[in-house]
Protein backbone atom coordinates (compact mmCIF):
# COMPACT_ATOMS: atom_id res chain seq x y z
CA MET A 1 46.07 39.51 32.19
CA SER A 2 42.37 40.35 31.86
CA VAL A 3 41.25 42.50 28.78
CA ASN A 4 40.24 45.41 30.87
CA LEU A 5 43.70 46.12 31.97
CA TRP A 6 45.30 45.26 28.34
CA MET A 7 42.62 48.35 27.41
CA GLN A 8 44.39 50.56 29.96
CA ILE A 9 47.47 50.05 28.51
CA SER A 10 47.13 50.44 25.02
CA ASP A 11 44.81 53.35 26.10
CA TYR A 12 48.05 54.63 27.98
CA PHE A 13 50.07 54.73 24.84
CA PHE A 14 47.83 55.62 22.70
CA ASN A 15 47.59 58.73 25.08
CA ASN A 16 50.70 58.70 26.54
CA SER A 17 52.53 58.00 23.81
CA ASN A 18 55.31 61.31 23.97
CA ASP A 19 55.38 61.13 27.83
CA TYR A 20 56.56 57.73 27.77
CA TRP A 21 59.13 57.90 25.48
CA VAL A 22 60.41 61.16 27.94
CA SER A 23 60.31 58.82 30.56
CA VAL A 24 62.90 56.27 28.50
CA LYS A 25 64.95 58.59 27.38
CA ALA A 26 65.35 60.43 30.82
CA HIS A 27 65.67 57.13 32.35
CA MET A 28 68.49 55.44 29.72
CA GLU A 29 70.43 59.07 29.91
CA ILE A 30 71.29 59.50 33.34
CA SER A 31 71.89 55.98 34.10
CA PHE A 32 74.57 56.21 30.86
CA TYR A 33 76.04 59.25 32.39
CA ALA A 34 76.14 57.85 35.89
CA LEU A 35 77.66 54.21 34.44
CA LEU A 36 80.03 56.24 32.80
CA LEU A 37 81.41 58.17 35.70
CA SER A 38 81.23 54.80 37.49
CA ALA A 39 83.46 52.71 35.25
CA LEU A 40 86.19 55.84 35.09
CA ILE A 41 86.28 56.42 39.13
CA GLY A 42 85.94 52.12 39.28
CA ILE A 43 88.71 51.41 36.97
CA THR A 44 91.62 54.63 38.38
CA CYS A 45 90.16 53.14 42.13
CA GLY A 46 90.77 49.59 41.15
CA HIS A 47 94.14 50.01 39.04
CA LEU A 48 95.33 52.54 42.10
CA CYS A 49 94.42 49.23 44.73
CA VAL A 50 97.15 46.70 42.52
CA LYS A 51 99.33 49.57 41.84
CA HIS A 52 99.02 50.46 45.39
CA LYS A 53 98.56 46.71 47.41
CA GLN A 54 98.65 48.53 51.05
CA TYR A 55 95.75 51.27 49.72
CA GLU A 56 93.12 47.93 48.44
CA ARG A 57 91.81 47.39 51.71
CA TRP A 58 90.60 50.87 52.27
CA ILE A 59 89.54 51.60 49.02
CA VAL A 60 87.40 48.47 48.54
CA SER A 61 86.20 49.05 52.58
CA LEU A 62 85.22 52.56 52.10
CA PHE A 63 82.98 51.91 48.53
CA GLN A 64 81.63 48.86 49.74
CA VAL A 65 80.11 50.41 53.56
CA LEU A 66 79.13 52.78 50.46
CA ARG A 67 76.95 50.08 48.70
CA ILE A 68 75.38 49.35 51.44
CA VAL A 69 73.94 52.34 52.65
CA PRO A 70 70.51 52.19 50.62
CA SER A 71 69.88 54.13 47.50
CA LEU A 72 66.64 56.36 49.29
CA ALA A 73 68.65 56.94 52.23
CA VAL A 74 71.30 58.11 50.44
CA LEU A 75 68.73 60.43 48.13
CA LEU A 76 67.70 61.94 51.10
CA LEU A 77 70.94 62.36 52.75
CA LEU A 78 72.35 65.47 49.80
CA ILE A 79 68.68 66.49 49.08
CA PRO A 80 69.74 69.26 51.85
CA ILE A 81 73.43 69.49 50.39
CA MET A 82 72.28 68.98 46.51
CA GLY A 83 68.71 69.64 46.32
CA THR A 84 66.31 67.88 44.03
CA GLY A 85 67.03 66.59 40.33
CA THR A 86 69.59 64.64 38.66
CA GLY A 87 72.39 65.67 40.79
CA PRO A 88 71.75 63.70 44.28
CA ALA A 89 70.17 60.97 41.89
CA MET A 90 73.55 60.81 39.26
CA VAL A 91 75.71 60.59 43.43
CA ALA A 92 73.39 57.45 44.43
CA LEU A 93 73.80 55.73 41.41
CA VAL A 94 77.18 55.89 40.89
CA LEU A 95 78.13 55.10 44.51
CA LEU A 96 75.92 51.67 44.25
CA ALA A 97 77.51 50.93 40.90
CA ILE A 98 81.49 51.34 41.68
CA PRO A 99 81.82 48.14 44.11
CA PRO A 100 81.19 45.84 41.12
CA ILE A 101 83.06 47.50 38.49
CA LEU A 102 86.23 48.03 40.93
CA MET A 103 86.01 44.59 42.28
CA ASN A 104 86.33 43.15 38.87
CA THR A 105 89.12 45.66 37.79
CA VAL A 106 91.60 44.04 40.83
CA ALA A 107 90.57 41.25 40.40
CA GLY A 108 91.75 41.23 36.51
CA LEU A 109 94.05 42.90 36.63
CA GLU A 110 95.71 40.98 39.14
CA ALA A 111 95.14 37.30 37.22
CA VAL A 112 97.05 38.77 33.94
CA PRO A 113 100.39 36.31 34.26
CA PRO A 114 103.68 37.59 35.89
CA PHE A 115 105.77 35.81 32.29
CA LEU A 116 103.49 37.98 30.21
CA LEU A 117 103.98 40.99 32.20
CA GLU A 118 108.04 39.95 31.94
CA ALA A 119 108.08 38.89 28.30
CA ALA A 120 107.16 42.84 28.19
CA TYR A 121 109.02 44.30 29.92
CA GLY A 122 111.81 42.04 28.42
CA ALA A 123 110.79 43.38 24.86
CA GLY A 124 111.33 47.13 25.95
CA MET A 125 107.96 48.41 26.91
CA SER A 126 107.31 51.41 29.46
CA ASP A 127 104.74 50.67 32.01
CA ARG A 128 102.29 52.57 30.67
CA GLN A 129 102.70 50.54 27.47
CA VAL A 130 102.61 47.35 29.63
CA LEU A 131 99.71 48.92 31.00
CA TRP A 132 97.96 49.89 27.86
CA LYS A 133 98.60 46.89 25.65
CA VAL A 134 99.05 43.69 28.64
CA LYS A 135 97.08 44.63 31.44
CA PHE A 136 93.99 46.48 30.47
CA PRO A 137 93.35 43.93 27.34
CA LEU A 138 93.94 40.75 29.64
CA ALA A 139 92.23 41.88 32.02
CA ALA A 140 89.17 43.74 30.05
CA PRO A 141 86.70 40.84 29.49
CA ILE A 142 86.24 40.90 33.57
CA MET A 143 86.11 44.09 33.80
CA LEU A 144 83.18 44.43 30.72
CA THR A 145 81.56 41.59 34.16
CA GLY A 146 81.91 44.06 36.09
CA ILE A 147 80.29 47.46 34.37
CA LYS A 148 77.38 44.88 32.86
CA THR A 149 76.34 44.08 36.87
CA ALA A 150 76.93 47.44 37.33
CA ALA A 151 74.49 48.75 34.30
CA ILE A 152 72.10 45.79 34.98
CA GLU A 153 71.55 47.39 39.04
CA ILE A 154 71.85 51.29 37.48
CA ILE A 155 69.02 50.69 34.70
CA ALA A 156 66.73 49.07 38.10
CA SER A 157 67.79 52.12 40.54
CA ALA A 158 67.32 54.31 38.94
CA THR A 159 63.91 54.45 38.99
CA LEU A 160 63.86 55.64 42.58
CA ALA A 161 65.40 58.99 40.56
CA ALA A 162 61.80 60.30 40.12
CA LYS A 163 61.88 60.89 43.79
CA ILE A 164 63.13 63.49 44.16
CA GLY A 165 62.32 65.27 40.03
CA ALA A 166 65.24 63.73 38.41
CA GLY A 167 62.96 61.85 36.22
CA GLY A 168 62.63 58.63 34.42
CA LEU A 169 60.43 56.01 34.81
CA GLY A 170 59.99 55.41 38.39
CA GLY A 171 57.75 58.26 37.29
CA ILE A 172 55.73 56.16 35.73
CA ILE A 173 55.91 53.69 38.29
CA PHE A 174 55.41 56.30 41.39
CA THR A 175 51.82 57.46 39.45
CA GLY A 176 50.75 54.02 39.29
CA LEU A 177 51.37 53.71 43.06
CA GLY A 178 49.86 56.03 43.97
CA LEU A 179 46.81 56.49 41.97
CA ASN A 180 46.46 52.57 42.91
CA ARG A 181 46.60 52.05 38.45
CA MET A 182 47.61 48.47 37.66
CA ASP A 183 48.46 49.62 34.21
CA LEU A 184 50.71 51.81 35.38
CA LEU A 185 52.85 50.17 36.94
CA LEU A 186 52.87 47.05 34.49
CA VAL A 187 54.13 50.02 32.51
CA GLY A 188 56.71 51.07 34.16
CA GLY A 189 58.48 48.52 36.21
CA ILE A 190 58.10 45.75 32.76
CA SER A 191 59.86 48.43 30.93
CA VAL A 192 62.56 48.76 33.08
CA ALA A 193 62.91 44.90 33.15
CA MET A 194 63.11 45.13 29.40
CA LEU A 195 65.98 48.12 29.83
CA SER A 196 67.80 45.44 32.17
CA VAL A 197 67.83 42.62 30.06
CA ALA A 198 68.66 44.95 27.55
CA ALA A 199 71.85 45.91 28.65
CA GLY A 200 72.75 42.77 29.94
CA LEU A 201 72.25 41.10 26.86
CA SER A 202 74.55 43.84 24.45
CA PHE A 203 77.41 44.15 26.90
CA ASP A 204 77.69 39.85 26.03
CA LEU A 205 77.46 40.56 22.76
CA THR A 206 79.96 42.76 23.01
CA ASP A 207 82.25 40.55 24.96
CA ARG A 208 81.76 37.32 22.37
CA PHE A 209 82.16 39.86 19.96
CA LEU A 210 85.82 41.94 21.23
CA PHE A 211 87.06 38.99 23.11
CA LYS A 212 86.03 35.98 20.61
CA TYR A 213 90.04 34.41 22.22
CA LYS A 214 90.15 34.61 25.89
CA PHE A 215 93.61 34.26 27.70
CA VAL A 216 92.85 31.51 30.25
CA ARG A 217 94.67 31.26 32.57
CA LYS A 218 96.05 27.40 33.95
């Protein structure tokens, strides 16, 4: 990195530190709420796929097809319906993040050994108790992996939200593209990369802390 470019980056943080942290906050907020909503939908649909196998192919295919559509195209298609701002950006990010959560939820629940379910029912547990005390706890490590994948994809794709006025670090990147300023591109791009890495590490630490003793199916 040249001395001149380093000075430009230093000047940016010196003169625009408040705006920068506002962008970081907006980026984290939209990413968090998109991840939360996609996790609720993905886990619910995953459970339905396992419980009602006849619907699995249709539910999985639907979200896989929606995922193929580029996020930017989804944003543009939603503008006439929802306008600009956080709403359409949230929808696009949720559609992007649901498939990995859905697929990992299905894989995790299907990996629960039948003999454990039989033992749970034999102990007098109800279907709800088996779901919350046996199935979800055993499937949680695989589900968490899907959520981690979704989180990283959301943080990276949330830069597009700035295109429709939803804020975030994408605003810095697009400003850098418009003004041909490498310093802004580096500030925005490195910040997004750092958030993605931090999210991945956070989920890895959570996995190690919560699931020290994982059930390994032989």
